[in-house]
Amino acid sequence: MRLFEDTGWWRGSNLYIHESGTYVVHEGQAGCFAFTTEPTEFVSVPEGACEKRHSPGRGESQGSRYYENLTYIGHFQETYRDAEGLRIRFLDATSAPEVELPDVL
């Protein structure tokens, strides 16, 4: 999938799926937002999904080490133009470990 060149809101963000089936994009200091795919719409963030654990957990399989009830899917990483000329790429959980994001301001 090709991502738009304007990487503003998603660069450095992690993508998760909540146990309810809601997707959560966590931006670190800017907080997080949630959406569904069927129907495609923004929804309320599940309660507690943006609150970091007091101590990192082990995360079962791909479960998040840092957030309760979330499974880590991947990370949006900004590049300075990779070999294909893209300025952003998505690294799935099998390609890169979960990146710890800064606390929400």
PDB file of N, CA and C in Angstrom:
ATOM      1  N   MET A   1       0.844  -1.178   0.000  1.00  0.00           N
ATOM      2  CA  MET A   1       0.000   0.000   0.000  1.00  0.00           C
ATOM      3  C   MET A   1       0.885   1.236   0.000  1.00  0.00           C
ATOM      4  N   ARG A   2       0.595   2.184  -0.844  1.00  0.00           N
ATOM      5  CA  ARG A   2       1.367   3.417  -0.932  1.00  0.00           C
ATOM      6  C   ARG A   2       0.737   4.456  -0.008  1.00  0.00           C
ATOM      7  N   LEU A   3       1.565   5.089   0.835  1.00  0.00           N
ATOM      8  CA  LEU A   3       1.090   6.102   1.773  1.00  0.00           C
ATOM      9  C   LEU A   3       1.332   7.488   1.197  1.00  0.00           C
ATOM     10  N   PHE A   4       0.511   8.446   1.578  1.00  0.00           N
ATOM     11  CA  PHE A   4       0.668   9.813   1.107  1.00  0.00           C
ATOM     12  C   PHE A   4       2.014  10.381   1.541  1.00  0.00           C
ATOM     13  N   GLU A   5       2.571  11.286   0.742  1.00  0.00           N
ATOM     14  CA  GLU A   5       3.859  11.891   1.053  1.00  0.00           C
ATOM     15  C   GLU A   5       3.819  12.752   2.311  1.00  0.00           C
ATOM     16  N   ASP A   6       2.704  13.435   2.586  1.00  0.00           N
ATOM     17  CA  ASP A   6       2.594  14.273   3.777  1.00  0.00           C
ATOM     18  C   ASP A   6       2.498  13.357   4.989  1.00  0.00           C
ATOM     19  N   THR A   7       3.591  13.238   5.717  1.00  0.00           N
ATOM     20  CA  THR A   7       3.653  12.279   6.814  1.00  0.00           C
ATOM     21  C   THR A   7       3.268  12.882   8.151  1.00  0.00           C
ATOM     22  N   GLY A   8       2.919  14.144   8.190  1.00  0.00           N
ATOM     23  CA  GLY A   8       2.655  14.878   9.412  1.00  0.00           C
ATOM     24  C   GLY A   8       2.135  14.123  10.609  1.00  0.00           C
ATOM     25  N   TRP A   9       0.900  13.689  10.613  1.00  0.00           N
ATOM     26  CA  TRP A   9       0.299  13.131  11.819  1.00  0.00           C
ATOM     27  C   TRP A   9       0.742  11.720  12.126  1.00  0.00           C
ATOM     28  N   TRP A  10       1.204  10.970  11.170  1.00  0.00           N
ATOM     29  CA  TRP A  10       1.476   9.571  11.477  1.00  0.00           C
ATOM     30  C   TRP A  10       2.946   9.222  11.635  1.00  0.00           C
ATOM     31  N   ARG A  11       3.855  10.107  11.278  1.00  0.00           N
ATOM     32  CA  ARG A  11       5.264   9.731  11.398  1.00  0.00           C
ATOM     33  C   ARG A  11       5.613   9.436  12.855  1.00  0.00           C
ATOM     34  N   GLY A  12       6.202   8.324  13.096  1.00  0.00           N
ATOM     35  CA  GLY A  12       6.570   7.923  14.448  1.00  0.00           C
ATOM     36  C   GLY A  12       5.429   7.350  15.262  1.00  0.00           C
ATOM     37  N   SER A  13       4.269   7.133  14.663  1.00  0.00           N
ATOM     38  CA  SER A  13       3.115   6.603  15.381  1.00  0.00           C
ATOM     39  C   SER A  13       3.096   5.081  15.342  1.00  0.00           C
ATOM     40  N   ASN A  14       2.496   4.488  16.363  1.00  0.00           N
ATOM     41  CA  ASN A  14       2.287   3.043  16.409  1.00  0.00           C
ATOM     42  C   ASN A  14       0.831   2.733  16.100  1.00  0.00           C
ATOM     43  N   LEU A  15       0.604   1.605  15.454  1.00  0.00           N
ATOM     44  CA  LEU A  15      -0.742   1.141  15.157  1.00  0.00           C
ATOM     45  C   LEU A  15      -1.027  -0.104  15.993  1.00  0.00           C
ATOM     46  N   TYR A  16      -2.191  -0.110  16.644  1.00  0.00           N
ATOM     47  CA  TYR A  16      -2.612  -1.220  17.496  1.00  0.00           C
ATOM     48  C   TYR A  16      -4.034  -1.616  17.132  1.00  0.00           C
ATOM     49  N   ILE A  17      -4.425  -2.794  17.598  1.00  0.00           N
ATOM     50  CA  ILE A  17      -5.832  -3.163  17.563  1.00  0.00           C
ATOM     51  C   ILE A  17      -6.225  -3.465  19.005  1.00  0.00           C
ATOM     52  N   HIS A  18      -7.342  -2.896  19.411  1.00  0.00           N
ATOM     53  CA  HIS A  18      -7.874  -3.086  20.756  1.00  0.00           C
ATOM     54  C   HIS A  18      -8.622  -4.412  20.792  1.00  0.00           C
ATOM     55  N   GLU A  19      -8.753  -4.987  21.967  1.00  0.00           N
ATOM     56  CA  GLU A  19      -9.453  -6.273  22.089  1.00  0.00           C
ATOM     57  C   GLU A  19     -10.889  -6.205  21.582  1.00  0.00           C
ATOM     58  N   SER A  20     -11.461  -5.004  21.476  1.00  0.00           N
ATOM     59  CA  SER A  20     -12.816  -4.832  20.965  1.00  0.00           C
ATOM     60  C   SER A  20     -12.881  -4.870  19.433  1.00  0.00           C
ATOM     61  N   GLY A  21     -11.700  -4.834  18.771  1.00  0.00           N
ATOM     62  CA  GLY A  21     -11.658  -4.805  17.309  1.00  0.00           C
ATOM     63  C   GLY A  21     -11.457  -3.412  16.747  1.00  0.00           C
ATOM     64  N   THR A  22     -11.380  -2.412  17.607  1.00  0.00           N
ATOM     65  CA  THR A  22     -11.145  -1.028  17.194  1.00  0.00           C
ATOM     66  C   THR A  22      -9.650  -0.808  16.983  1.00  0.00           C
ATOM     67  N   TYR A  23      -9.288  -0.142  15.888  1.00  0.00           N
ATOM     68  CA  TYR A  23      -7.891   0.195  15.636  1.00  0.00           C
ATOM     69  C   TYR A  23      -7.544   1.473  16.379  1.00  0.00           C
ATOM     70  N   VAL A  24      -6.325   1.531  16.910  1.00  0.00           N
ATOM     71  CA  VAL A  24      -5.864   2.700  17.657  1.00  0.00           C
ATOM     72  C   VAL A  24      -4.514   3.129  17.090  1.00  0.00           C
ATOM     73  N   VAL A  25      -4.412   4.398  16.691  1.00  0.00           N
ATOM     74  CA  VAL A  25      -3.136   4.980  16.276  1.00  0.00           C
ATOM     75  C   VAL A  25      -2.667   5.823  17.448  1.00  0.00           C
ATOM     76  N   HIS A  26      -1.491   5.485  17.971  1.00  0.00           N
ATOM     77  CA  HIS A  26      -0.947   6.211  19.120  1.00  0.00           C
ATOM     78  C   HIS A  26       0.224   7.056  18.641  1.00  0.00           C
ATOM     79  N   GLU A  27       0.134   8.360  18.907  1.00  0.00           N
ATOM     80  CA  GLU A  27       1.139   9.305  18.437  1.00  0.00           C
ATOM     81  C   GLU A  27       2.127   9.721  19.528  1.00  0.00           C
ATOM     82  N   GLY A  28       2.052   9.111  20.694  1.00  0.00           N
ATOM     83  CA  GLY A  28       2.946   9.503  21.784  1.00  0.00           C
ATOM     84  C   GLY A  28       2.429  10.748  22.478  1.00  0.00           C
ATOM     85  N   GLN A  29       3.193  11.829  22.454  1.00  0.00           N
ATOM     86  CA  GLN A  29       2.834  13.051  23.175  1.00  0.00           C
ATOM     87  C   GLN A  29       1.506  13.642  22.729  1.00  0.00           C
ATOM     88  N   ALA A  30       1.124  13.415  21.477  1.00  0.00           N
ATOM     89  CA  ALA A  30      -0.135  13.970  20.964  1.00  0.00           C
ATOM     90  C   ALA A  30      -1.336  13.085  21.289  1.00  0.00           C
ATOM     91  N   GLY A  31      -1.117  11.950  21.949  1.00  0.00           N
ATOM     92  CA  GLY A  31      -2.226  11.079  22.318  1.00  0.00           C
ATOM     93  C   GLY A  31      -2.559  10.082  21.228  1.00  0.00           C
ATOM     94  N   CYS A  32      -3.813   9.666  21.188  1.00  0.00           N
ATOM     95  CA  CYS A  32      -4.192   8.657  20.208  1.00  0.00           C
ATOM     96  C   CYS A  32      -5.606   8.898  19.693  1.00  0.00           C
ATOM     97  N   PHE A  33      -5.913   8.225  18.596  1.00  0.00           N
ATOM     98  CA  PHE A  33      -7.260   8.258  18.056  1.00  0.00           C
ATOM     99  C   PHE A  33      -7.611   6.852  17.611  1.00  0.00           C
ATOM    100  N   ALA A  34      -8.899   6.616  17.404  1.00  0.00           N
ATOM    101  CA  ALA A  34      -9.368   5.271  17.081  1.00  0.00           C
ATOM    102  C   ALA A  34     -10.285   5.315  15.859  1.00  0.00           C
ATOM    103  N   PHE A  35     -10.328   4.169  15.169  1.00  0.00           N
ATOM    104  CA  PHE A  35     -11.204   4.057  13.998  1.00  0.00           C
ATOM    105  C   PHE A  35     -11.591   2.595  13.797  1.00  0.00           C
ATOM    106  N   THR A  36     -12.620   2.412  13.008  1.00  0.00           N
ATOM    107  CA  THR A  36     -13.052   1.082  12.594  1.00  0.00           C
ATOM    108  C   THR A  36     -12.958   1.024  11.072  1.00  0.00           C
ATOM    109  N   THR A  37     -12.951  -0.186  10.538  1.00  0.00           N
ATOM    110  CA  THR A  37     -12.876  -0.325   9.078  1.00  0.00           C
ATOM    111  C   THR A  37     -14.204  -0.721   8.450  1.00  0.00           C
ATOM    112  N   GLU A  38     -15.102  -1.285   9.233  1.00  0.00           N
ATOM    113  CA  GLU A  38     -16.431  -1.645   8.725  1.00  0.00           C
ATOM    114  C   GLU A  38     -17.489  -1.285   9.746  1.00  0.00           C
ATOM    115  N   PRO A  39     -18.095  -0.140   9.629  1.00  0.00           N
ATOM    116  CA  PRO A  39     -17.878   0.889   8.611  1.00  0.00           C
ATOM    117  C   PRO A  39     -16.602   1.677   8.917  1.00  0.00           C
ATOM    118  N   THR A  40     -16.050   2.316   7.890  1.00  0.00           N
ATOM    119  CA  THR A  40     -14.857   3.133   8.074  1.00  0.00           C
ATOM    120  C   THR A  40     -15.266   4.451   8.702  1.00  0.00           C
ATOM    121  N   GLU A  41     -14.858   4.629   9.976  1.00  0.00           N
ATOM    122  CA  GLU A  41     -15.187   5.866  10.677  1.00  0.00           C
ATOM    123  C   GLU A  41     -14.312   6.019  11.912  1.00  0.00           C
ATOM    124  N   PHE A  42     -14.143   7.267  12.325  1.00  0.00           N
ATOM    125  CA  PHE A  42     -13.452   7.542  13.580  1.00  0.00           C
ATOM    126  C   PHE A  42     -14.432   7.263  14.708  1.00  0.00           C
ATOM    127  N   VAL A  43     -13.937   6.685  15.794  1.00  0.00           N
ATOM    128  CA  VAL A  43     -14.760   6.351  16.951  1.00  0.00           C
ATOM    129  C   VAL A  43     -14.043   6.798  18.211  1.00  0.00           C
ATOM    130  N   SER A  44     -14.738   6.711  19.335  1.00  0.00           N
ATOM    131  CA  SER A  44     -14.126   7.060  20.613  1.00  0.00           C
ATOM    132  C   SER A  44     -13.020   6.068  20.935  1.00  0.00           C
ATOM    133  N   VAL A  45     -11.955   6.581  21.525  1.00  0.00           N
ATOM    134  CA  VAL A  45     -10.846   5.729  21.943  1.00  0.00           C
ATOM    135  C   VAL A  45     -11.320   4.866  23.110  1.00  0.00           C
ATOM    136  N   PRO A  46     -11.102   3.555  23.047  1.00  0.00           N
ATOM    137  CA  PRO A  46     -11.508   2.700  24.162  1.00  0.00           C
ATOM    138  C   PRO A  46     -10.882   3.178  25.471  1.00  0.00           C
ATOM    139  N   GLU A  47     -11.637   3.112  26.529  1.00  0.00           N
ATOM    140  CA  GLU A  47     -11.186   3.607  27.828  1.00  0.00           C
ATOM    141  C   GLU A  47      -9.854   2.969  28.230  1.00  0.00           C
ATOM    142  N   GLY A  48      -8.904   3.809  28.616  1.00  0.00           N
ATOM    143  CA  GLY A  48      -7.604   3.361  29.088  1.00  0.00           C
ATOM    144  C   GLY A  48      -6.601   2.999  28.009  1.00  0.00           C
ATOM    145  N   ALA A  49      -7.006   3.011  26.742  1.00  0.00           N
ATOM    146  CA  ALA A  49      -6.117   2.562  25.663  1.00  0.00           C
ATOM    147  C   ALA A  49      -4.883   3.448  25.497  1.00  0.00           C
ATOM    148  N   CYS A  50      -4.970   4.710  25.863  1.00  0.00           N
ATOM    149  CA  CYS A  50      -3.836   5.624  25.685  1.00  0.00           C
ATOM    150  C   CYS A  50      -2.993   5.775  26.949  1.00  0.00           C
ATOM    151  N   GLU A  51      -3.354   5.078  27.990  1.00  0.00           N
ATOM    152  CA  GLU A  51      -2.631   5.200  29.249  1.00  0.00           C
ATOM    153  C   GLU A  51      -1.530   4.161  29.326  1.00  0.00           C
ATOM    154  N   LYS A  52      -0.298   4.631  29.461  1.00  0.00           N
ATOM    155  CA  LYS A  52       0.845   3.730  29.509  1.00  0.00           C
ATOM    156  C   LYS A  52       0.866   2.980  30.837  1.00  0.00           C
ATOM    157  N   ARG A  53       1.269   1.723  30.779  1.00  0.00           N
ATOM    158  CA  ARG A  53       1.433   0.927  31.997  1.00  0.00           C
ATOM    159  C   ARG A  53       2.512   1.566  32.876  1.00  0.00           C
ATOM    160  N   HIS A  54       2.436   1.326  34.167  1.00  0.00           N
ATOM    161  CA  HIS A  54       3.446   1.862  35.082  1.00  0.00           C
ATOM    162  C   HIS A  54       4.800   1.187  34.866  1.00  0.00           C
ATOM    163  N   SER A  55       4.788  -0.086  34.501  1.00  0.00           N
ATOM    164  CA  SER A  55       6.029  -0.780  34.160  1.00  0.00           C
ATOM    165  C   SER A  55       5.737  -1.637  32.928  1.00  0.00           C
ATOM    166  N   PRO A  56       6.669  -1.640  31.976  1.00  0.00           N
ATOM    167  CA  PRO A  56       6.427  -2.404  30.746  1.00  0.00           C
ATOM    168  C   PRO A  56       6.131  -3.863  31.039  1.00  0.00           C
ATOM    169  N   GLY A  57       5.128  -4.386  30.348  1.00  0.00           N
ATOM    170  CA  GLY A  57       4.787  -5.794  30.479  1.00  0.00           C
ATOM    171  C   GLY A  57       5.590  -6.612  29.491  1.00  0.00           C
ATOM    172  N   ARG A  58       5.387  -7.879  29.513  1.00  0.00           N
ATOM    173  CA  ARG A  58       6.102  -8.757  28.590  1.00  0.00           C
ATOM    174  C   ARG A  58       5.390  -8.840  27.253  1.00  0.00           C
ATOM    175  N   GLY A  59       4.091  -8.589  27.224  1.00  0.00           N
ATOM    176  CA  GLY A  59       3.341  -8.674  25.972  1.00  0.00           C
ATOM    177  C   GLY A  59       3.251 -10.102  25.484  1.00  0.00           C
ATOM    178  N   GLU A  60       2.063 -10.660  25.483  1.00  0.00           N
ATOM    179  CA  GLU A  60       1.877 -12.021  25.001  1.00  0.00           C
ATOM    180  C   GLU A  60       1.785 -11.982  23.485  1.00  0.00           C
ATOM    181  N   SER A  61       2.529 -12.820  22.823  1.00  0.00           N
ATOM    182  CA  SER A  61       2.682 -12.841  21.370  1.00  0.00           C
ATOM    183  C   SER A  61       2.960 -11.420  20.902  1.00  0.00           C
ATOM    184  N   GLN A  62       2.023 -10.797  20.210  1.00  0.00           N
ATOM    185  CA  GLN A  62       2.241  -9.431  19.732  1.00  0.00           C
ATOM    186  C   GLN A  62       1.555  -8.407  20.630  1.00  0.00           C
ATOM    187  N   GLY A  63       1.040  -8.816  21.773  1.00  0.00           N
ATOM    188  CA  GLY A  63       0.407  -7.877  22.683  1.00  0.00           C
ATOM    189  C   GLY A  63       1.366  -6.749  23.033  1.00  0.00           C
ATOM    190  N   SER A  64       0.820  -5.582  23.273  1.00  0.00           N
ATOM    191  CA  SER A  64       1.653  -4.428  23.576  1.00  0.00           C
ATOM    192  C   SER A  64       2.387  -4.591  24.897  1.00  0.00           C
ATOM    193  N   ARG A  65       3.632  -4.176  24.909  1.00  0.00           N
ATOM    194  CA  ARG A  65       4.406  -4.148  26.155  1.00  0.00           C
ATOM    195  C   ARG A  65       4.014  -2.942  26.998  1.00  0.00           C
ATOM    196  N   TYR A  66       3.437  -1.925  26.388  1.00  0.00           N
ATOM    197  CA  TYR A  66       3.243  -0.643  27.058  1.00  0.00           C
ATOM    198  C   TYR A  66       1.791  -0.278  27.347  1.00  0.00           C
ATOM    199  N   TYR A  67       0.843  -0.906  26.671  1.00  0.00           N
ATOM    200  CA  TYR A  67      -0.565  -0.526  26.818  1.00  0.00           C
ATOM    201  C   TYR A  67      -1.431  -1.758  27.023  1.00  0.00           C
ATOM    202  N   GLU A  68      -2.372  -1.645  27.938  1.00  0.00           N
ATOM    203  CA  GLU A  68      -3.300  -2.741  28.236  1.00  0.00           C
ATOM    204  C   GLU A  68      -4.302  -2.925  27.099  1.00  0.00           C
ATOM    205  N   ASN A  69      -4.682  -4.153  26.859  1.00  0.00           N
ATOM    206  CA  ASN A  69      -5.756  -4.509  25.921  1.00  0.00           C
ATOM    207  C   ASN A  69      -5.499  -4.108  24.474  1.00  0.00           C
ATOM    208  N   LEU A  70      -4.242  -3.817  24.129  1.00  0.00           N
ATOM    209  CA  LEU A  70      -3.881  -3.485  22.755  1.00  0.00           C
ATOM    210  C   LEU A  70      -2.892  -4.513  22.227  1.00  0.00           C
ATOM    211  N   THR A  71      -3.028  -4.850  20.953  1.00  0.00           N
ATOM    212  CA  THR A  71      -2.064  -5.697  20.270  1.00  0.00           C
ATOM    213  C   THR A  71      -1.326  -4.831  19.265  1.00  0.00           C
ATOM    214  N   TYR A  72      -0.021  -4.870  19.329  1.00  0.00           N
ATOM    215  CA  TYR A  72       0.831  -4.068  18.455  1.00  0.00           C
ATOM    216  C   TYR A  72       0.791  -4.624  17.040  1.00  0.00           C
ATOM    217  N   ILE A  73       0.493  -3.757  16.062  1.00  0.00           N
ATOM    218  CA  ILE A  73       0.464  -4.161  14.652  1.00  0.00           C
ATOM    219  C   ILE A  73       1.713  -3.677  13.930  1.00  0.00           C
ATOM    220  N   GLY A  74       2.153  -2.452  14.233  1.00  0.00           N
ATOM    221  CA  GLY A  74       3.335  -1.933  13.559  1.00  0.00           C
ATOM    222  C   GLY A  74       3.572  -0.464  13.850  1.00  0.00           C
ATOM    223  N   HIS A  75       4.554   0.090  13.125  1.00  0.00           N
ATOM    224  CA  HIS A  75       5.035   1.452  13.371  1.00  0.00           C
ATOM    225  C   HIS A  75       5.206   2.192  12.044  1.00  0.00           C
ATOM    226  N   PHE A  76       4.742   3.445  12.001  1.00  0.00           N
ATOM    227  CA  PHE A  76       4.949   4.299  10.829  1.00  0.00           C
ATOM    228  C   PHE A  76       6.283   5.016  11.015  1.00  0.00           C
ATOM    229  N   GLN A  77       7.201   4.807  10.083  1.00  0.00           N
ATOM    230  CA  GLN A  77       8.530   5.383  10.202  1.00  0.00           C
ATOM    231  C   GLN A  77       8.796   6.329   9.046  1.00  0.00           C
ATOM    232  N   GLU A  78       9.242   7.527   9.371  1.00  0.00           N
ATOM    233  CA  GLU A  78       9.594   8.487   8.338  1.00  0.00           C
ATOM    234  C   GLU A  78      10.989   8.176   7.826  1.00  0.00           C
ATOM    235  N   THR A  79      11.193   8.318   6.531  1.00  0.00           N
ATOM    236  CA  THR A  79      12.504   8.101   5.926  1.00  0.00           C
ATOM    237  C   THR A  79      12.904   9.391   5.211  1.00  0.00           C
ATOM    238  N   TYR A  80      14.130   9.438   4.778  1.00  0.00           N
ATOM    239  CA  TYR A  80      14.592  10.582   3.980  1.00  0.00           C
ATOM    240  C   TYR A  80      14.566  10.238   2.504  1.00  0.00           C
ATOM    241  N   ARG A  81      13.668   9.410   2.129  1.00  0.00           N
ATOM    242  CA  ARG A  81      13.460   8.843   0.797  1.00  0.00           C
ATOM    243  C   ARG A  81      14.248   7.546   0.722  1.00  0.00           C
ATOM    244  N   ASP A  82      13.512   6.475   0.760  1.00  0.00           N
ATOM    245  CA  ASP A  82      14.155   5.167   0.667  1.00  0.00           C
ATOM    246  C   ASP A  82      14.454   4.837  -0.792  1.00  0.00           C
ATOM    247  N   ALA A  83      14.864   3.622  -1.042  1.00  0.00           N
ATOM    248  CA  ALA A  83      15.252   3.211  -2.395  1.00  0.00           C
ATOM    249  C   ALA A  83      14.122   3.378  -3.408  1.00  0.00           C
ATOM    250  N   GLU A  84      12.875   3.304  -2.948  1.00  0.00           N
ATOM    251  CA  GLU A  84      11.724   3.455  -3.839  1.00  0.00           C
ATOM    252  C   GLU A  84      11.237   4.898  -3.903  1.00  0.00           C
ATOM    253  N   GLY A  85      11.921   5.809  -3.207  1.00  0.00           N
ATOM    254  CA  GLY A  85      11.530   7.214  -3.226  1.00  0.00           C
ATOM    255  C   GLY A  85      10.432   7.568  -2.243  1.00  0.00           C
ATOM    256  N   LEU A  86      10.112   6.664  -1.321  1.00  0.00           N
ATOM    257  CA  LEU A  86       9.042   6.917  -0.355  1.00  0.00           C
ATOM    258  C   LEU A  86       9.575   7.636   0.871  1.00  0.00           C
ATOM    259  N   ARG A  87       8.756   8.518   1.455  1.00  0.00           N
ATOM    260  CA  ARG A  87       9.172   9.257   2.637  1.00  0.00           C
ATOM    261  C   ARG A  87       8.626   8.653   3.915  1.00  0.00           C
ATOM    262  N   ILE A  88       7.757   7.669   3.812  1.00  0.00           N
ATOM    263  CA  ILE A  88       7.250   6.999   5.000  1.00  0.00           C
ATOM    264  C   ILE A  88       7.031   5.537   4.659  1.00  0.00           C
ATOM    265  N   ARG A  89       7.264   4.704   5.645  1.00  0.00           N
ATOM    266  CA  ARG A  89       6.996   3.284   5.439  1.00  0.00           C
ATOM    267  C   ARG A  89       6.383   2.725   6.709  1.00  0.00           C
ATOM    268  N   PHE A  90       5.680   1.633   6.538  1.00  0.00           N
ATOM    269  CA  PHE A  90       5.051   0.970   7.667  1.00  0.00           C
ATOM    270  C   PHE A  90       5.824  -0.305   7.961  1.00  0.00           C
ATOM    271  N   LEU A  91       6.315  -0.409   9.184  1.00  0.00           N
ATOM    272  CA  LEU A  91       7.040  -1.603   9.622  1.00  0.00           C
ATOM    273  C   LEU A  91       6.101  -2.422  10.477  1.00  0.00           C
ATOM    274  N   ASP A  92       5.720  -3.598   9.999  1.00  0.00           N
ATOM    275  CA  ASP A  92       4.794  -4.403  10.782  1.00  0.00           C
ATOM    276  C   ASP A  92       5.513  -5.073  11.956  1.00  0.00           C
ATOM    277  N   ALA A  93       4.740  -5.637  12.850  1.00  0.00           N
ATOM    278  CA  ALA A  93       5.263  -6.200  14.091  1.00  0.00           C
ATOM    279  C   ALA A  93       6.269  -7.316  13.859  1.00  0.00           C
ATOM    280  N   THR A  94       6.202  -7.976  12.708  1.00  0.00           N
ATOM    281  CA  THR A  94       7.169  -9.036  12.429  1.00  0.00           C
ATOM    282  C   THR A  94       8.494  -8.472  11.919  1.00  0.00           C
ATOM    283  N   SER A  95       8.491  -7.201  11.492  1.00  0.00           N
ATOM    284  CA  SER A  95       9.693  -6.571  10.948  1.00  0.00           C
ATOM    285  C   SER A  95      10.475  -5.767  11.981  1.00  0.00           C
ATOM    286  N   ALA A  96       9.768  -5.230  12.977  1.00  0.00           N
ATOM    287  CA  ALA A  96      10.416  -4.374  13.976  1.00  0.00           C
ATOM    288  C   ALA A  96       9.645  -4.457  15.282  1.00  0.00           C
ATOM    289  N   PRO A  97      10.356  -4.423  16.402  1.00  0.00           N
ATOM    290  CA  PRO A  97       9.677  -4.475  17.698  1.00  0.00           C
ATOM    291  C   PRO A  97       8.902  -3.191  17.983  1.00  0.00           C
ATOM    292  N   GLU A  98       8.011  -3.268  18.935  1.00  0.00           N
ATOM    293  CA  GLU A  98       7.215  -2.108  19.349  1.00  0.00           C
ATOM    294  C   GLU A  98       8.139  -1.007  19.861  1.00  0.00           C
ATOM    295  N   VAL A  99       7.906   0.198  19.369  1.00  0.00           N
ATOM    296  CA  VAL A  99       8.669   1.374  19.779  1.00  0.00           C
ATOM    297  C   VAL A  99       7.946   2.018  20.965  1.00  0.00           C
ATOM    298  N   GLU A 100       8.675   2.269  22.049  1.00  0.00           N
ATOM    299  CA  GLU A 100       8.059   2.961  23.179  1.00  0.00           C
ATOM    300  C   GLU A 100       7.909   4.430  22.820  1.00  0.00           C
ATOM    301  N   LEU A 101       6.697   4.937  22.947  1.00  0.00           N
ATOM    302  CA  LEU A 101       6.405   6.331  22.608  1.00  0.00           C
ATOM    303  C   LEU A 101       6.475   7.194  23.862  1.00  0.00           C
ATOM    304  N   PRO A 102       6.744   8.507  23.688  1.00  0.00           N
ATOM    305  CA  PRO A 102       6.759   9.381  24.860  1.00  0.00           C
ATOM    306  C   PRO A 102       5.371   9.486  25.479  1.00  0.00           C
ATOM    307  N   ASP A 103       5.324   9.868  26.742  1.00  0.00           N
ATOM    308  CA  ASP A 103       4.053  10.026  27.445  1.00  0.00           C
ATOM    309  C   ASP A 103       3.215  11.129  26.827  1.00  0.00           C
ATOM    310  N   VAL A 104       1.894  10.982  26.917  1.00  0.00           N
ATOM    311  CA  VAL A 104       0.952  11.988  26.425  1.00  0.00           C
ATOM    312  C   VAL A 104       1.120  13.270  27.241  1.00  0.00           C
ATOM    313  N   LEU A 105       1.162  14.392  26.567  1.00  0.00           N
ATOM    314  CA  LEU A 105       1.283  15.686  27.280  1.00  0.00           C
ATOM    315  C   LEU A 105      -0.021  16.083  27.911  1.00  0.00           C
TER     316      LEU A 105
END
